[in-house]
C-alpha atoms as a PDB file:
ATOM      1  CA  MET A   1       0.383  -8.333 -10.842  1.00  0.00           C
ATOM      2  CA  VAL A   2       1.284  -6.462  -7.817  1.00  0.00           C
ATOM      3  CA  VAL A   3       2.747  -2.884  -7.145  1.00  0.00           C
ATOM      4  CA  HIS A   4       4.006  -1.663  -3.906  1.00  0.00           C
ATOM      5  CA  GLY A   5       5.952   1.645  -2.775  1.00  0.00           C
ATOM      6  CA  ASP A   6       5.060   5.260  -1.782  1.00  0.00           C
ATOM      7  CA  PHE A   7       2.568   6.175  -4.276  1.00  0.00           C
ATOM      8  CA  ASN A   8       1.961   9.671  -3.310  1.00  0.00           C
ATOM      9  CA  LYS A   9      -0.948   9.769  -3.261  1.00  0.00           C
ATOM     10  CA  ILE A  10      -4.365   9.001  -1.023  1.00  0.00           C
ATOM     11  CA  LEU A  11      -7.278   7.473  -1.599  1.00  0.00           C
ATOM     12  CA  TYR A  12      -9.194   9.297   0.739  1.00  0.00           C
ATOM     13  CA  GLN A  13      -9.082  12.281   2.742  1.00  0.00           C
ATOM     14  CA  HIS A  14      -9.198   9.944   5.824  1.00  0.00           C
ATOM     15  CA  GLU A  15      -5.540   9.092   4.824  1.00  0.00           C
ATOM     16  CA  LYS A  16      -3.681  12.406   5.584  1.00  0.00           C
ATOM     17  CA  GLN A  17      -3.479  14.207   9.332  1.00  0.00           C
ATOM     18  CA  GLY A  18      -2.246  17.610   9.946  1.00  0.00           C
ATOM     19  CA  GLY A  19      -1.377  20.330   6.460  1.00  0.00           C
ATOM     20  CA  ASN A  20      -3.569  21.518   3.412  1.00  0.00           C
ATOM     21  CA  GLU A  21      -6.441  18.701   1.960  1.00  0.00           C
ATOM     22  CA  ARG A  22      -5.044  16.515  -0.343  1.00  0.00           C
ATOM     23  CA  ILE A  23      -7.248  18.453  -3.777  1.00  0.00           C
ATOM     24  CA  GLN A  24     -10.293  16.234  -4.232  1.00  0.00           C
ATOM     25  CA  GLY A  25      -9.559  15.821  -7.737  1.00  0.00           C
ATOM     26  CA  GLU A  26      -6.713  14.641  -7.470  1.00  0.00           C
ATOM     27  CA  ILE A  27      -7.197  11.643  -5.183  1.00  0.00           C
ATOM     28  CA  GLU A  28      -9.839  11.059  -7.410  1.00  0.00           C
ATOM     29  CA  ALA A  29      -7.819  10.825 -10.659  1.00  0.00           C
ATOM     30  CA  PHE A  30      -5.179   7.992  -8.269  1.00  0.00           C
ATOM     31  CA  ARG A  31      -8.692   5.750  -7.661  1.00  0.00           C
ATOM     32  CA  GLN A  32      -9.272   6.040 -11.438  1.00  0.00           C
ATOM     33  CA  TYR A  33      -5.460   5.477 -11.972  1.00  0.00           C
ATOM     34  CA  LEU A  34      -5.774   2.088 -10.239  1.00  0.00           C
ATOM     35  CA  LEU A  35      -9.007   1.533 -11.769  1.00  0.00           C
ATOM     36  CA  ASP A  36      -7.580   1.506 -14.855  1.00  0.00           C
ATOM     37  CA  CYS A  37      -4.771  -0.653 -14.211  1.00  0.00           C
ATOM     38  CA  ASP A  38      -7.003  -2.833 -12.555  1.00  0.00           C
ATOM     39  CA  LEU A  39      -5.258  -2.662  -9.478  1.00  0.00           C
ATOM     40  CA  GLN A  40      -6.916  -2.716  -6.236  1.00  0.00           C
ATOM     41  CA  ASP A  41      -5.667  -1.656  -2.693  1.00  0.00           C
ATOM     42  CA  LEU A  42      -4.575  -5.029  -1.245  1.00  0.00           C
ATOM     43  CA  GLY A  43      -5.326  -3.251   2.704  1.00  0.00           C
ATOM     44  CA  PHE A  44      -3.113  -3.901   5.769  1.00  0.00           C
ATOM     45  CA  SER A  45      -2.466  -4.011   8.980  1.00  0.00           C
ATOM     46  CA  GLY A  46      -0.780  -2.238  11.690  1.00  0.00           C
ATOM     47  CA  GLU A  47      -0.401   1.221  11.178  1.00  0.00           C
ATOM     48  CA  LEU A  48      -2.374   4.238   9.079  1.00  0.00           C
ATOM     49  CA  PHE A  49       0.312   6.781   7.974  1.00  0.00           C
ATOM     50  CA  THR A  50       3.147   5.643   5.779  1.00  0.00           C
ATOM     51  CA  TRP A  51       4.684   9.016   6.150  1.00  0.00           C
ATOM     52  CA  CYS A  52       5.488  11.713   8.317  1.00  0.00           C
ATOM     53  CA  ASN A  53       7.204  14.759   8.006  1.00  0.00           C
ATOM     54  CA  HIS A  54       8.969  13.872  11.768  1.00  0.00           C
ATOM     55  CA  CYS A  55       8.048  17.416  12.521  1.00  0.00           C
ATOM     56  CA  GLU A  56       6.204  18.566  15.565  1.00  0.00           C
ATOM     57  CA  PHE A  57       2.006  19.921  16.182  1.00  0.00           C
ATOM     58  CA  PRO A  58       1.016  21.733  14.915  1.00  0.00           C
ATOM     59  CA  THR A  59       3.053  21.818  12.005  1.00  0.00           C
ATOM     60  CA  LYS A  60       3.142  17.693  11.629  1.00  0.00           C
ATOM     61  CA  VAL A  61       2.085  16.204   9.048  1.00  0.00           C
ATOM     62  CA  ARG A  62       1.470  12.716   8.851  1.00  0.00           C
ATOM     63  CA  GLU A  63      -0.471  10.446   5.357  1.00  0.00           C
ATOM     64  CA  ARG A  64      -0.938   6.464   3.439  1.00  0.00           C
ATOM     65  CA  LEU A  65       1.354   7.488   0.820  1.00  0.00           C
ATOM     66  CA  ASP A  66       2.836   3.670   0.661  1.00  0.00           C
ATOM     67  CA  ARG A  67       0.152   0.558  -0.088  1.00  0.00           C
ATOM     68  CA  ALA A  68       0.464  -2.386  -1.622  1.00  0.00           C
ATOM     69  CA  CYS A  69      -1.915  -2.577  -4.750  1.00  0.00           C
ATOM     70  CA  GLY A  70      -2.462  -6.242  -7.075  1.00  0.00           C
ATOM     71  CA  ASP A  71      -4.886  -7.285 -10.053  1.00  0.00           C
ATOM     72  CA  ARG A  72      -7.421 -10.008  -9.987  1.00  0.00           C
ATOM     73  CA  GLN A  73      -5.040 -12.271 -11.403  1.00  0.00           C
ATOM     74  CA  TRP A  74      -2.692 -12.542  -8.569  1.00  0.00           C
ATOM     75  CA  ILE A  75      -5.442 -11.605  -5.727  1.00  0.00           C
ATOM     76  CA  ASP A  76      -7.290 -15.264  -7.248  1.00  0.00           C
ATOM     77  CA  ARG A  77      -3.527 -16.329  -7.166  1.00  0.00           C
ATOM     78  CA  PHE A  78      -2.518 -14.820  -3.538  1.00  0.00           C
ATOM     79  CA  PRO A  79      -6.040 -14.459  -1.917  1.00  0.00           C
ATOM     80  CA  GLU A  80      -4.631 -15.232   1.481  1.00  0.00           C
ATOM     81  CA  ALA A  81      -1.531 -12.531   1.810  1.00  0.00           C
ATOM     82  CA  THR A  82      -1.484  -9.725   3.834  1.00  0.00           C
ATOM     83  CA  VAL A  83       0.244  -6.782   4.440  1.00  0.00           C
ATOM     84  CA  SER A  84       1.882  -5.201   7.288  1.00  0.00           C
ATOM     85  CA  ASN A  85       2.699  -1.262   7.825  1.00  0.00           C
ATOM     86  CA  LEU A  86       5.582  -1.479  10.410  1.00  0.00           C
ATOM     87  CA  PRO A  87       6.046   1.412  13.120  1.00  0.00           C
ATOM     88  CA  ILE A  88       8.426   4.029  11.542  1.00  0.00           C
ATOM     89  CA  ALA A  89      11.743   3.682  12.549  1.00  0.00           C
ATOM     90  CA  CYS A  90      14.477   5.234  11.025  1.00  0.00           C
ATOM     91  CA  SER A  91      12.951   7.287   7.353  1.00  0.00           C
ATOM     92  CA  ASP A  92      10.322   9.619   6.868  1.00  0.00           C
ATOM     93  CA  HIS A  93       8.246   5.724   5.701  1.00  0.00           C
ATOM     94  CA  VAL A  94       7.357   2.633   6.999  1.00  0.00           C
ATOM     95  CA  ALA A  95       8.176  -0.699   5.934  1.00  0.00           C
ATOM     96  CA  LEU A  96       5.379  -2.103   4.138  1.00  0.00           C
ATOM     97  CA  ILE A  97       5.753  -6.730   4.435  1.00  0.00           C
ATOM     98  CA  LEU A  98       3.647  -8.315   1.344  1.00  0.00           C
ATOM     99  CA  LYS A  99       3.130 -12.010   2.969  1.00  0.00           C
ATOM    100  CA  CYS A 100       1.953 -14.378   0.088  1.00  0.00           C
ATOM    101  CA  ASP A 101       0.945 -17.973   0.361  1.00  0.00           C
ATOM    102  CA  VAL A 102       3.463 -19.895  -2.033  1.00  0.00           C
ATOM    103  CA  ARG A 103       2.152 -22.980  -1.288  1.00  0.00           C
ATOM    104  CA  ASP A 104       1.392 -26.342  -3.618  1.00  0.00           C
ATOM    105  CA  ARG A 105      -2.161 -26.074  -5.546  1.00  0.00           C
ATOM    106  CA  GLY A 106      -2.127 -29.377  -7.325  1.00  0.00           C
ATOM    107  CA  GLY A 107       1.193 -28.004  -9.686  1.00  0.00           C
ATOM    108  CA  ASP A 108       4.815 -27.676  -9.682  1.00  0.00           C
ATOM    109  CA  PHE A 109       6.450 -25.166  -7.736  1.00  0.00           C
ATOM    110  CA  THR A 110       7.577 -23.179 -10.134  1.00  0.00           C
ATOM    111  CA  PRO A 111      10.312 -19.848  -8.812  1.00  0.00           C
ATOM    112  CA  GLU A 112       7.527 -17.428 -10.043  1.00  0.00           C
ATOM    113  CA  ALA A 113       6.314 -17.481  -6.482  1.00  0.00           C
ATOM    114  CA  GLN A 114       8.438 -16.889  -4.893  1.00  0.00           C
ATOM    115  CA  ILE A 115       7.114 -13.642  -3.838  1.00  0.00           C
ATOM    116  CA  SER A 116      10.532 -11.380  -1.965  1.00  0.00           C
ATOM    117  CA  PHE A 117      10.472  -7.658  -1.324  1.00  0.00           C
END
């Protein structure tokens, strides 16, 4: 299973710039939630911050709220998967691009292997 989108949570304080710090207990609760669901952050390339309030300094806030996470079965099936965070354009969030290797691995190519978001 893979899930992606706006979780509205961060995993580490360095994923937030500006504004008040996130409450450490909330950060730890989100980490525990991912562990309980057997989900692992897939990492990313590109922009660190995936959301911005579009204000100017000193009230500008940027955070990594959007991410893609997969369980062990999904990660084993798509070990070459990559997540790209595009620059913020016309929204307050970036677009996430999840690319998966769906080449035939000795079995039949099935529609469930065709993943698009």
